[in-house]
Amino acid sequence: MTLSTTIITLFVSFLLSVILAPIVIPYLRRMKFGQSIREEGPESHQKKAGTPTMGGLIFLTSIIVSTLAISLYFGELTTQSIVLLIILVGFGLIGFLDDFIKVVLKRNLGLTSIQKLIGQIIISVIAYFLLKLGPFDTSLAIPFTDIHFSLGQFYVAFLIFWLVGFSNAVNLSDGLDGLVSGTASVSFATFAVLALAYEQADIAIFAFSVAGALLGFLLFNKNPAQVFMGDTGSLALGGALAMVSILVKQEVLLLLVGIIFVIETLSVILQVISFKTTGKRIFKMSPIHHHFELSGWNERKIVTVFWAINFIAAMLVVIMEVM
């Protein structure tokens, strides 16, 4: 995969999102697909009520079209490409159903956690068996070393845990304008660079497609957001990001490349454990971005700082792995 192919991939997916957004956003508004805001959330978020949600449809469409078109044109459509699209679409469909139930059917809880989990597990297992049709490495690599250890038949359990865990981690992080779209674009671009370095053009095309589509979406999702991605987008992104890390065989590196998603999830876990064991809260509110909001930080400052943290971690990974 050449530099020109990389630029083409980014440009096509970016352009598709930019073209689709002004078409889809008014449609979502006409259909009254507006975001409902939790009463227990920060009071400043109440003004966001009614902002169109399910905007993940914009960049998911861009990713699918650009990945298929560019992969076919350059002869790089592989089983791995198909698996990545299955995860993206499958997890996105779960998120879409959740959003649809909340927004259209007016059931605030959407799908139950068990329903989501069952759907995510089924899609993950399908992806695993598709990968197993060919040679598939079931070992884990220790970052920045040559050490690998095989999980053998237990790898399927790890794969399910990884996909479901990061899908939900990205979903938890989607609470501020532009936070996930900006952070995830950096994470996918990082894995795209790694895929290029490892000569995995099929994965690089997909990852660059996601990065470009998210950057186009970010123009409409940045503060003040004209549209939210909803669970449609966040669940799809988390699952796809985890699968990319699996296919480039740098699963553990995702803890650094997606460090903001890890921090956000840990803040929720620690808050729950602390409250259930001591009756006290560690943070004013979790996930942790709400803690900073209630501490007086404005939304743009939080998002900018979180972007910067993720970017620095991603650059360290690229420097250590590629340069």
C-alpha atoms as a PDB file:
ATOM      1  CA  MET A   1       0.000   0.000   0.000  1.00  0.00           C
ATOM      2  CA  THR A   2       1.520   3.300  -1.098  1.00  0.00           C
ATOM      3  CA  LEU A   3       1.303   6.764   0.416  1.00  0.00           C
ATOM      4  CA  SER A   4      -1.012   7.832  -2.413  1.00  0.00           C
ATOM      5  CA  THR A   5      -3.419   4.982  -1.588  1.00  0.00           C
ATOM      6  CA  THR A   6      -3.413   6.109   2.038  1.00  0.00           C
ATOM      7  CA  ILE A   7      -4.269   9.680   1.068  1.00  0.00           C
ATOM      8  CA  ILE A   8      -6.980   8.504  -1.330  1.00  0.00           C
ATOM      9  CA  THR A   9      -8.545   6.317   1.361  1.00  0.00           C
ATOM     10  CA  LEU A  10      -8.589   9.102   3.930  1.00  0.00           C
ATOM     11  CA  PHE A  11      -9.897  11.642   1.415  1.00  0.00           C
ATOM     12  CA  VAL A  12     -12.698   9.431   0.045  1.00  0.00           C
ATOM     13  CA  SER A  13     -14.060   8.448   3.466  1.00  0.00           C
ATOM     14  CA  PHE A  14     -13.699  12.033   4.763  1.00  0.00           C
ATOM     15  CA  LEU A  15     -15.507  13.435   1.716  1.00  0.00           C
ATOM     16  CA  LEU A  16     -18.326  10.904   1.976  1.00  0.00           C
ATOM     17  CA  SER A  17     -19.000  11.895   5.591  1.00  0.00           C
ATOM     18  CA  VAL A  18     -18.931  15.589   4.691  1.00  0.00           C
ATOM     19  CA  ILE A  19     -21.398  14.991   1.841  1.00  0.00           C
ATOM     20  CA  LEU A  20     -23.708  12.696   3.809  1.00  0.00           C
ATOM     21  CA  ALA A  21     -23.943  14.732   7.020  1.00  0.00           C
ATOM     22  CA  PRO A  22     -25.936  17.698   5.596  1.00  0.00           C
ATOM     23  CA  ILE A  23     -28.330  15.184   4.024  1.00  0.00           C
ATOM     24  CA  VAL A  24     -28.762  12.879   7.008  1.00  0.00           C
ATOM     25  CA  ILE A  25     -28.882  15.445   9.840  1.00  0.00           C
ATOM     26  CA  PRO A  26     -32.010  17.289   8.574  1.00  0.00           C
ATOM     27  CA  TYR A  27     -33.663  13.905   7.961  1.00  0.00           C
ATOM     28  CA  LEU A  28     -32.929  12.805  11.551  1.00  0.00           C
ATOM     29  CA  ARG A  29     -34.357  16.115  12.741  1.00  0.00           C
ATOM     30  CA  ARG A  30     -37.522  15.740  10.648  1.00  0.00           C
ATOM     31  CA  MET A  31     -37.993  12.202  11.976  1.00  0.00           C
ATOM     32  CA  LYS A  32     -37.609  13.648  15.500  1.00  0.00           C
ATOM     33  CA  PHE A  33     -34.677  11.352  16.276  1.00  0.00           C
ATOM     34  CA  GLY A  34     -33.584  13.707  19.037  1.00  0.00           C
ATOM     35  CA  GLN A  35     -31.339  12.807  21.957  1.00  0.00           C
ATOM     36  CA  SER A  36     -32.985  12.522  25.365  1.00  0.00           C
ATOM     37  CA  ILE A  37     -30.744  13.647  28.214  1.00  0.00           C
ATOM     38  CA  ARG A  38     -30.574  11.747  31.510  1.00  0.00           C
ATOM     39  CA  GLU A  39     -31.849  13.780  34.429  1.00  0.00           C
ATOM     40  CA  GLU A  40     -29.011  12.504  36.629  1.00  0.00           C
ATOM     41  CA  GLY A  41     -26.411  13.852  34.198  1.00  0.00           C
ATOM     42  CA  PRO A  42     -24.756  17.294  34.455  1.00  0.00           C
ATOM     43  CA  GLU A  43     -27.323  20.095  34.326  1.00  0.00           C
ATOM     44  CA  SER A  44     -25.391  21.809  31.496  1.00  0.00           C
ATOM     45  CA  HIS A  45     -26.278  18.887  29.193  1.00  0.00           C
ATOM     46  CA  GLN A  46     -30.020  19.588  29.336  1.00  0.00           C
ATOM     47  CA  LYS A  47     -29.653  22.173  26.569  1.00  0.00           C
ATOM     48  CA  LYS A  48     -28.519  19.365  24.252  1.00  0.00           C
ATOM     49  CA  ALA A  49     -31.901  17.653  24.418  1.00  0.00           C
ATOM     50  CA  GLY A  50     -33.382  17.226  20.968  1.00  0.00           C
ATOM     51  CA  THR A  51     -30.055  17.244  19.116  1.00  0.00           C
ATOM     52  CA  PRO A  52     -30.313  14.595  16.378  1.00  0.00           C
ATOM     53  CA  THR A  53     -28.760  11.275  17.364  1.00  0.00           C
ATOM     54  CA  MET A  54     -28.019   8.028  15.470  1.00  0.00           C
ATOM     55  CA  GLY A  55     -25.501  10.074  13.463  1.00  0.00           C
ATOM     56  CA  GLY A  56     -23.245   7.044  13.460  1.00  0.00           C
ATOM     57  CA  LEU A  57     -25.151   6.106  10.297  1.00  0.00           C
ATOM     58  CA  ILE A  58     -23.208   8.876   8.539  1.00  0.00           C
ATOM     59  CA  PHE A  59     -19.702   7.586   9.146  1.00  0.00           C
ATOM     60  CA  LEU A  60     -20.683   3.905   9.099  1.00  0.00           C
ATOM     61  CA  THR A  61     -21.970   4.386   5.546  1.00  0.00           C
ATOM     62  CA  SER A  62     -18.785   6.254   4.610  1.00  0.00           C
ATOM     63  CA  ILE A  63     -16.584   3.511   6.060  1.00  0.00           C
ATOM     64  CA  ILE A  64     -18.431   0.674   4.345  1.00  0.00           C
ATOM     65  CA  VAL A  65     -18.488   2.367   0.928  1.00  0.00           C
ATOM     66  CA  SER A  66     -14.872   3.561   0.997  1.00  0.00           C
ATOM     67  CA  THR A  67     -13.503   0.276   2.378  1.00  0.00           C
ATOM     68  CA  LEU A  68     -15.287  -1.838  -0.233  1.00  0.00           C
ATOM     69  CA  ALA A  69     -14.544   0.509  -3.138  1.00  0.00           C
ATOM     70  CA  ILE A  70     -10.855   1.004  -2.394  1.00  0.00           C
ATOM     71  CA  SER A  71     -10.225  -2.591  -1.348  1.00  0.00           C
ATOM     72  CA  LEU A  72     -11.821  -3.898  -4.560  1.00  0.00           C
ATOM     73  CA  TYR A  73     -10.002  -1.364  -6.731  1.00  0.00           C
ATOM     74  CA  PHE A  74      -6.594  -2.270  -5.314  1.00  0.00           C
ATOM     75  CA  GLY A  75      -7.349  -6.000  -4.976  1.00  0.00           C
ATOM     76  CA  GLU A  76      -7.148  -5.952  -1.183  1.00  0.00           C
ATOM     77  CA  LEU A  77     -10.594  -7.227  -0.217  1.00  0.00           C
ATOM     78  CA  THR A  78      -9.809 -10.181   2.054  1.00  0.00           C
ATOM     79  CA  THR A  79     -11.456 -12.334   4.711  1.00  0.00           C
ATOM     80  CA  GLN A  80     -10.022  -9.943   7.287  1.00  0.00           C
ATOM     81  CA  SER A  81     -11.659  -6.982   5.512  1.00  0.00           C
ATOM     82  CA  ILE A  82     -14.997  -8.794   5.566  1.00  0.00           C
ATOM     83  CA  VAL A  83     -14.610  -9.681   9.257  1.00  0.00           C
ATOM     84  CA  LEU A  84     -13.924  -6.032  10.116  1.00  0.00           C
ATOM     85  CA  LEU A  85     -17.029  -4.945   8.210  1.00  0.00           C
ATOM     86  CA  ILE A  86     -19.118  -7.652   9.896  1.00  0.00           C
ATOM     87  CA  ILE A  87     -18.033  -6.404  13.326  1.00  0.00           C
ATOM     88  CA  LEU A  88     -18.650  -2.774  12.331  1.00  0.00           C
ATOM     89  CA  VAL A  89     -22.101  -3.461  10.886  1.00  0.00           C
ATOM     90  CA  GLY A  90     -23.103  -6.067  13.493  1.00  0.00           C
ATOM     91  CA  PHE A  91     -22.207  -3.979  16.527  1.00  0.00           C
ATOM     92  CA  GLY A  92     -23.608  -0.913  14.757  1.00  0.00           C
ATOM     93  CA  LEU A  93     -26.914  -2.735  14.255  1.00  0.00           C
ATOM     94  CA  ILE A  94     -27.098  -3.513  17.981  1.00  0.00           C
ATOM     95  CA  GLY A  95     -26.494   0.166  18.699  1.00  0.00           C
ATOM     96  CA  PHE A  96     -29.078   1.192  16.100  1.00  0.00           C
ATOM     97  CA  LEU A  97     -31.723  -1.030  17.712  1.00  0.00           C
ATOM     98  CA  ASP A  98     -30.838   0.430  21.109  1.00  0.00           C
ATOM     99  CA  ASP A  99     -31.123   3.998  19.790  1.00  0.00           C
ATOM    100  CA  PHE A 100     -34.334   3.222  17.901  1.00  0.00           C
ATOM    101  CA  ILE A 101     -36.022   1.808  21.000  1.00  0.00           C
ATOM    102  CA  LYS A 102     -34.943   4.817  23.082  1.00  0.00           C
ATOM    103  CA  VAL A 103     -35.684   7.559  20.572  1.00  0.00           C
ATOM    104  CA  VAL A 104     -38.557   6.253  18.453  1.00  0.00           C
ATOM    105  CA  LEU A 105     -40.339   3.867  20.799  1.00  0.00           C
ATOM    106  CA  LYS A 106     -39.647   6.185  23.770  1.00  0.00           C
ATOM    107  CA  ARG A 107     -38.317   3.414  26.015  1.00  0.00           C
ATOM    108  CA  ASN A 108     -35.451   5.183  27.763  1.00  0.00           C
ATOM    109  CA  LEU A 109     -33.497   2.041  28.656  1.00  0.00           C
ATOM    110  CA  GLY A 110     -33.353   0.755  25.070  1.00  0.00           C
ATOM    111  CA  LEU A 111     -32.067  -2.794  24.774  1.00  0.00           C
ATOM    112  CA  THR A 112     -31.276  -4.475  28.075  1.00  0.00           C
ATOM    113  CA  SER A 113     -27.630  -5.100  28.913  1.00  0.00           C
ATOM    114  CA  ILE A 114     -28.233  -8.843  28.502  1.00  0.00           C
ATOM    115  CA  GLN A 115     -29.754  -8.374  25.048  1.00  0.00           C
ATOM    116  CA  LYS A 116     -26.772  -6.271  23.969  1.00  0.00           C
ATOM    117  CA  LEU A 117     -24.312  -8.773  25.413  1.00  0.00           C
ATOM    118  CA  ILE A 118     -25.923 -11.735  23.658  1.00  0.00           C
ATOM    119  CA  GLY A 119     -25.877  -9.893  20.335  1.00  0.00           C
ATOM    120  CA  GLN A 120     -22.230  -8.862  20.761  1.00  0.00           C
ATOM    121  CA  ILE A 121     -21.188 -12.396  21.687  1.00  0.00           C
ATOM    122  CA  ILE A 122     -22.955 -13.929  18.680  1.00  0.00           C
ATOM    123  CA  ILE A 123     -21.324 -11.497  16.257  1.00  0.00           C
ATOM    124  CA  SER A 124     -17.906 -11.994  17.888  1.00  0.00           C
ATOM    125  CA  VAL A 125     -18.168 -15.788  17.609  1.00  0.00           C
ATOM    126  CA  ILE A 126     -19.163 -15.542  13.933  1.00  0.00           C
ATOM    127  CA  ALA A 127     -16.110 -13.356  13.295  1.00  0.00           C
ATOM    128  CA  TYR A 128     -13.844 -15.810  15.120  1.00  0.00           C
ATOM    129  CA  PHE A 129     -14.965 -18.803  13.083  1.00  0.00           C
ATOM    130  CA  LEU A 130     -14.579 -16.852   9.845  1.00  0.00           C
ATOM    131  CA  LEU A 131     -10.993 -16.063  10.813  1.00  0.00           C
ATOM    132  CA  LYS A 132     -10.388 -19.689  11.740  1.00  0.00           C
ATOM    133  CA  LEU A 133     -11.212 -20.737   8.153  1.00  0.00           C
ATOM    134  CA  GLY A 134      -7.686 -19.610   7.306  1.00  0.00           C
ATOM    135  CA  PRO A 135      -4.439 -19.415   9.239  1.00  0.00           C
ATOM    136  CA  PHE A 136      -5.119 -17.417  12.392  1.00  0.00           C
ATOM    137  CA  ASP A 137      -2.594 -16.695  15.111  1.00  0.00           C
ATOM    138  CA  THR A 138      -4.064 -17.300  18.575  1.00  0.00           C
ATOM    139  CA  SER A 139      -1.104 -15.895  20.463  1.00  0.00           C
ATOM    140  CA  LEU A 140      -0.802 -12.610  22.358  1.00  0.00           C
ATOM    141  CA  ALA A 141       2.203 -10.357  21.868  1.00  0.00           C
ATOM    142  CA  ILE A 142       3.888  -8.488  24.708  1.00  0.00           C
ATOM    143  CA  PRO A 143       4.254  -4.916  23.417  1.00  0.00           C
ATOM    144  CA  PHE A 144       7.739  -3.691  22.486  1.00  0.00           C
ATOM    145  CA  THR A 145       9.206  -7.208  22.833  1.00  0.00           C
ATOM    146  CA  ASP A 146       9.472 -10.347  20.711  1.00  0.00           C
ATOM    147  CA  ILE A 147       7.615 -12.372  23.339  1.00  0.00           C
ATOM    148  CA  HIS A 148       4.399 -14.187  22.347  1.00  0.00           C
ATOM    149  CA  PHE A 149       2.330 -16.701  24.251  1.00  0.00           C
ATOM    150  CA  SER A 150      -0.410 -18.858  22.788  1.00  0.00           C
ATOM    151  CA  LEU A 151      -3.956 -18.910  24.162  1.00  0.00           C
ATOM    152  CA  GLY A 152      -4.929 -21.790  21.881  1.00  0.00           C
ATOM    153  CA  GLN A 153      -8.609 -22.693  22.201  1.00  0.00           C
ATOM    154  CA  PHE A 154      -9.068 -20.046  24.890  1.00  0.00           C
ATOM    155  CA  TYR A 155      -8.443 -17.284  22.350  1.00  0.00           C
ATOM    156  CA  VAL A 156     -12.139 -17.213  21.400  1.00  0.00           C
ATOM    157  CA  ALA A 157     -12.985 -16.242  25.006  1.00  0.00           C
ATOM    158  CA  PHE A 158     -10.360 -13.501  24.871  1.00  0.00           C
ATOM    159  CA  LEU A 159     -11.685 -12.260  21.512  1.00  0.00           C
ATOM    160  CA  ILE A 160     -15.229 -12.012  22.875  1.00  0.00           C
ATOM    161  CA  PHE A 161     -14.035 -10.228  26.025  1.00  0.00           C
ATOM    162  CA  TRP A 162     -11.907  -7.797  23.974  1.00  0.00           C
ATOM    163  CA  LEU A 163     -14.615  -6.904  21.458  1.00  0.00           C
ATOM    164  CA  VAL A 164     -17.431  -6.596  23.981  1.00  0.00           C
ATOM    165  CA  GLY A 165     -15.217  -4.762  26.486  1.00  0.00           C
ATOM    166  CA  PHE A 166     -13.962  -2.100  24.103  1.00  0.00           C
ATOM    167  CA  SER A 167     -17.323  -1.713  22.397  1.00  0.00           C
ATOM    168  CA  ASN A 168     -18.812  -0.792  25.761  1.00  0.00           C
ATOM    169  CA  ALA A 169     -15.761   1.295  26.732  1.00  0.00           C
ATOM    170  CA  VAL A 170     -16.168   3.533  23.678  1.00  0.00           C
ATOM    171  CA  ASN A 171     -19.905   3.703  24.371  1.00  0.00           C
ATOM    172  CA  LEU A 172     -19.221   4.890  27.937  1.00  0.00           C
ATOM    173  CA  SER A 173     -16.840   7.568  26.640  1.00  0.00           C
ATOM    174  CA  ASP A 174     -19.394   9.079  24.274  1.00  0.00           C
ATOM    175  CA  GLY A 175     -20.642  11.814  26.571  1.00  0.00           C
ATOM    176  CA  LEU A 176     -19.116  15.052  25.269  1.00  0.00           C
ATOM    177  CA  ASP A 177     -19.270  16.707  21.860  1.00  0.00           C
ATOM    178  CA  GLY A 178     -16.486  15.369  19.638  1.00  0.00           C
ATOM    179  CA  LEU A 179     -14.803  13.315  22.370  1.00  0.00           C
ATOM    180  CA  VAL A 180     -15.165   9.873  20.784  1.00  0.00           C
ATOM    181  CA  SER A 181     -15.027  10.956  17.143  1.00  0.00           C
ATOM    182  CA  GLY A 182     -11.735  12.810  17.716  1.00  0.00           C
ATOM    183  CA  THR A 183     -10.160  10.210  19.994  1.00  0.00           C
ATOM    184  CA  ALA A 184     -11.201   7.216  17.902  1.00  0.00           C
ATOM    185  CA  SER A 185      -9.902   8.816  14.694  1.00  0.00           C
ATOM    186  CA  VAL A 186      -6.441   8.999  16.299  1.00  0.00           C
ATOM    187  CA  SER A 187      -6.668   5.403  17.541  1.00  0.00           C
ATOM    188  CA  PHE A 188      -7.683   4.025  14.148  1.00  0.00           C
ATOM    189  CA  ALA A 189      -5.045   6.103  12.336  1.00  0.00           C
ATOM    190  CA  THR A 190      -2.413   4.699  14.711  1.00  0.00           C
ATOM    191  CA  PHE A 191      -3.376   1.101  13.965  1.00  0.00           C
ATOM    192  CA  ALA A 192      -3.504   1.974  10.257  1.00  0.00           C
ATOM    193  CA  VAL A 193       0.139   3.090  10.440  1.00  0.00           C
ATOM    194  CA  LEU A 194       1.046  -0.129  12.278  1.00  0.00           C
ATOM    195  CA  ALA A 195      -0.804  -2.190   9.655  1.00  0.00           C
ATOM    196  CA  LEU A 196       1.170  -0.412   6.936  1.00  0.00           C
ATOM    197  CA  ALA A 197       4.415  -1.145   8.753  1.00  0.00           C
ATOM    198  CA  TYR A 198       3.427  -4.822   9.026  1.00  0.00           C
ATOM    199  CA  GLU A 199       2.415  -4.887   5.322  1.00  0.00           C
ATOM    200  CA  GLN A 200      -1.258  -5.567   6.084  1.00  0.00           C
ATOM    201  CA  ALA A 201      -2.788  -3.358   3.404  1.00  0.00           C
ATOM    202  CA  ASP A 202      -6.323  -4.731   3.839  1.00  0.00           C
ATOM    203  CA  ILE A 203      -6.423  -3.705   7.494  1.00  0.00           C
ATOM    204  CA  ALA A 204      -4.743  -0.365   6.773  1.00  0.00           C
ATOM    205  CA  ILE A 205      -7.415   0.498   4.194  1.00  0.00           C
ATOM    206  CA  PHE A 206     -10.190  -0.201   6.684  1.00  0.00           C
ATOM    207  CA  ALA A 207      -8.517   1.693   9.535  1.00  0.00           C
ATOM    208  CA  PHE A 208      -7.724   4.723   7.353  1.00  0.00           C
ATOM    209  CA  SER A 209     -11.336   4.651   6.094  1.00  0.00           C
ATOM    210  CA  VAL A 210     -12.576   4.853   9.682  1.00  0.00           C
ATOM    211  CA  ALA A 211     -10.156   7.654  10.563  1.00  0.00           C
ATOM    212  CA  GLY A 212     -11.156   9.713   7.516  1.00  0.00           C
ATOM    213  CA  ALA A 213     -14.886   9.158   8.021  1.00  0.00           C
ATOM    214  CA  LEU A 214     -14.628  10.191  11.673  1.00  0.00           C
ATOM    215  CA  LEU A 215     -12.728  13.361  10.839  1.00  0.00           C
ATOM    216  CA  GLY A 216     -15.482  14.296   8.381  1.00  0.00           C
ATOM    217  CA  PHE A 217     -18.122  13.528  11.006  1.00  0.00           C
ATOM    218  CA  LEU A 218     -16.199  15.562  13.581  1.00  0.00           C
ATOM    219  CA  LEU A 219     -16.928  18.743  11.610  1.00  0.00           C
ATOM    220  CA  PHE A 220     -20.578  18.290  12.606  1.00  0.00           C
ATOM    221  CA  ASN A 221     -20.021  16.586  15.976  1.00  0.00           C
ATOM    222  CA  LYS A 222     -17.611  19.091  17.541  1.00  0.00           C
ATOM    223  CA  ASN A 223     -18.915  21.470  20.195  1.00  0.00           C
ATOM    224  CA  PRO A 224     -21.648  22.623  19.836  1.00  0.00           C
ATOM    225  CA  ALA A 225     -22.640  19.361  18.160  1.00  0.00           C
ATOM    226  CA  GLN A 226     -25.148  19.390  15.312  1.00  0.00           C
ATOM    227  CA  VAL A 227     -25.480  15.615  15.622  1.00  0.00           C
ATOM    228  CA  PHE A 228     -24.543  12.818  18.026  1.00  0.00           C
ATOM    229  CA  MET A 229     -23.271   9.418  16.908  1.00  0.00           C
ATOM    230  CA  GLY A 230     -25.462   7.527  19.394  1.00  0.00           C
ATOM    231  CA  ASP A 231     -24.955   3.896  20.317  1.00  0.00           C
ATOM    232  CA  THR A 232     -25.206   3.218  16.578  1.00  0.00           C
ATOM    233  CA  GLY A 233     -21.764   4.727  16.178  1.00  0.00           C
ATOM    234  CA  SER A 234     -20.027   4.155  19.504  1.00  0.00           C
ATOM    235  CA  LEU A 235     -20.714   0.421  19.824  1.00  0.00           C
ATOM    236  CA  ALA A 236     -19.598  -0.122  16.215  1.00  0.00           C
ATOM    237  CA  LEU A 237     -16.388   1.868  16.680  1.00  0.00           C
ATOM    238  CA  GLY A 238     -15.392   0.063  19.878  1.00  0.00           C
ATOM    239  CA  GLY A 239     -15.915  -3.389  18.399  1.00  0.00           C
ATOM    240  CA  ALA A 240     -14.094  -2.496  15.179  1.00  0.00           C
ATOM    241  CA  LEU A 241     -11.172  -0.942  17.054  1.00  0.00           C
ATOM    242  CA  ALA A 242     -10.730  -4.078  19.154  1.00  0.00           C
ATOM    243  CA  MET A 243     -10.865  -6.288  16.049  1.00  0.00           C
ATOM    244  CA  VAL A 244      -8.249  -4.158  14.284  1.00  0.00           C
ATOM    245  CA  SER A 245      -5.913  -4.623  17.266  1.00  0.00           C
ATOM    246  CA  ILE A 246      -6.507  -8.380  17.056  1.00  0.00           C
ATOM    247  CA  LEU A 247      -5.798  -8.580  13.327  1.00  0.00           C
ATOM    248  CA  VAL A 248      -2.523  -6.636  13.549  1.00  0.00           C
ATOM    249  CA  LYS A 249      -1.620  -8.907  16.500  1.00  0.00           C
ATOM    250  CA  GLN A 250      -1.091  -5.996  18.867  1.00  0.00           C
ATOM    251  CA  GLU A 251      -4.050  -6.572  21.144  1.00  0.00           C
ATOM    252  CA  VAL A 252      -2.387  -5.352  24.339  1.00  0.00           C
ATOM    253  CA  LEU A 253      -1.223  -2.146  22.633  1.00  0.00           C
ATOM    254  CA  LEU A 254      -4.868  -1.119  22.427  1.00  0.00           C
ATOM    255  CA  LEU A 255      -4.645  -0.279  26.122  1.00  0.00           C
ATOM    256  CA  LEU A 256      -2.306   2.558  25.114  1.00  0.00           C
ATOM    257  CA  VAL A 257      -3.701   3.437  21.691  1.00  0.00           C
ATOM    258  CA  GLY A 258      -7.169   3.701  23.238  1.00  0.00           C
ATOM    259  CA  ILE A 259      -6.024   4.951  26.621  1.00  0.00           C
ATOM    260  CA  ILE A 260      -8.901   7.422  27.045  1.00  0.00           C
ATOM    261  CA  PHE A 261     -11.445   4.628  26.624  1.00  0.00           C
ATOM    262  CA  VAL A 262      -9.565   2.605  29.234  1.00  0.00           C
ATOM    263  CA  ILE A 263      -9.462   5.515  31.693  1.00  0.00           C
ATOM    264  CA  GLU A 264     -13.156   6.281  31.216  1.00  0.00           C
ATOM    265  CA  THR A 265     -14.102   2.647  31.858  1.00  0.00           C
ATOM    266  CA  LEU A 266     -11.834   2.301  34.878  1.00  0.00           C
ATOM    267  CA  SER A 267     -13.400   5.429  36.390  1.00  0.00           C
ATOM    268  CA  VAL A 268     -16.837   3.809  36.203  1.00  0.00           C
ATOM    269  CA  ILE A 269     -15.587   0.510  37.663  1.00  0.00           C
ATOM    270  CA  LEU A 270     -13.760   2.239  40.527  1.00  0.00           C
ATOM    271  CA  GLN A 271     -16.770   4.444  41.261  1.00  0.00           C
ATOM    272  CA  VAL A 272     -19.098   1.451  41.499  1.00  0.00           C
ATOM    273  CA  ILE A 273     -16.690  -0.587  43.655  1.00  0.00           C
ATOM    274  CA  SER A 274     -16.043   2.332  45.998  1.00  0.00           C
ATOM    275  CA  PHE A 275     -19.728   3.170  46.435  1.00  0.00           C
ATOM    276  CA  LYS A 276     -20.776  -0.448  46.996  1.00  0.00           C
ATOM    277  CA  THR A 277     -17.990  -1.186  49.495  1.00  0.00           C
ATOM    278  CA  THR A 278     -17.647   2.101  51.387  1.00  0.00           C
ATOM    279  CA  GLY A 279     -20.735   4.101  50.448  1.00  0.00           C
ATOM    280  CA  LYS A 280     -18.469   6.880  49.163  1.00  0.00           C
ATOM    281  CA  ARG A 281     -17.786   8.092  45.640  1.00  0.00           C
ATOM    282  CA  ILE A 282     -14.264   8.661  44.311  1.00  0.00           C
ATOM    283  CA  PHE A 283     -15.433  11.016  41.562  1.00  0.00           C
ATOM    284  CA  LYS A 284     -18.158  13.656  41.567  1.00  0.00           C
ATOM    285  CA  MET A 285     -19.683  11.703  38.683  1.00  0.00           C
ATOM    286  CA  SER A 286     -18.526   8.970  36.363  1.00  0.00           C
ATOM    287  CA  PRO A 287     -17.398   8.449  33.648  1.00  0.00           C
ATOM    288  CA  ILE A 288     -14.525  10.721  34.530  1.00  0.00           C
ATOM    289  CA  HIS A 289     -15.271  13.392  31.893  1.00  0.00           C
ATOM    290  CA  HIS A 290     -18.345  14.300  33.972  1.00  0.00           C
ATOM    291  CA  HIS A 291     -16.129  14.648  37.067  1.00  0.00           C
ATOM    292  CA  PHE A 292     -14.099  17.334  35.296  1.00  0.00           C
ATOM    293  CA  GLU A 293     -17.300  19.060  34.134  1.00  0.00           C
ATOM    294  CA  LEU A 294     -18.567  19.253  37.711  1.00  0.00           C
ATOM    295  CA  SER A 295     -15.112  20.483  38.798  1.00  0.00           C
ATOM    296  CA  GLY A 296     -15.539  23.565  36.612  1.00  0.00           C
ATOM    297  CA  TRP A 297     -13.830  22.574  33.363  1.00  0.00           C
ATOM    298  CA  ASN A 298     -15.741  23.571  30.252  1.00  0.00           C
ATOM    299  CA  GLU A 299     -16.574  20.903  27.691  1.00  0.00           C
ATOM    300  CA  ARG A 300     -14.105  22.046  25.052  1.00  0.00           C
ATOM    301  CA  LYS A 301     -11.216  22.028  27.513  1.00  0.00           C
ATOM    302  CA  ILE A 302     -11.985  18.477  28.640  1.00  0.00           C
ATOM    303  CA  VAL A 303     -12.254  17.201  25.079  1.00  0.00           C
ATOM    304  CA  THR A 304      -9.039  18.957  24.017  1.00  0.00           C
ATOM    305  CA  VAL A 305      -7.079  17.562  26.975  1.00  0.00           C
ATOM    306  CA  PHE A 306      -8.428  14.046  26.396  1.00  0.00           C
ATOM    307  CA  TRP A 307      -7.576  14.265  22.684  1.00  0.00           C
ATOM    308  CA  ALA A 308      -4.056  15.370  23.598  1.00  0.00           C
ATOM    309  CA  ILE A 309      -3.568  12.492  26.055  1.00  0.00           C
ATOM    310  CA  ASN A 310      -4.703   9.943  23.479  1.00  0.00           C
ATOM    311  CA  PHE A 311      -2.562  11.537  20.753  1.00  0.00           C
ATOM    312  CA  ILE A 312       0.575  11.481  22.914  1.00  0.00           C
ATOM    313  CA  ALA A 313       0.016   7.826  23.849  1.00  0.00           C
ATOM    314  CA  ALA A 314      -0.589   6.946  20.190  1.00  0.00           C
ATOM    315  CA  MET A 315       2.568   8.732  19.057  1.00  0.00           C
ATOM    316  CA  LEU A 316       4.617   6.882  21.669  1.00  0.00           C
ATOM    317  CA  VAL A 317       3.286   3.604  20.287  1.00  0.00           C
ATOM    318  CA  VAL A 318       4.189   4.567  16.716  1.00  0.00           C
ATOM    319  CA  ILE A 319       7.681   5.695  17.764  1.00  0.00           C
ATOM    320  CA  MET A 320       8.323   2.510  19.744  1.00  0.00           C
ATOM    321  CA  GLU A 321       6.878   0.115  17.153  1.00  0.00           C
ATOM    322  CA  VAL A 322       7.688   1.669  13.786  1.00  0.00           C
ATOM    323  CA  MET A 323      10.575   4.102  14.078  1.00  0.00           C
END
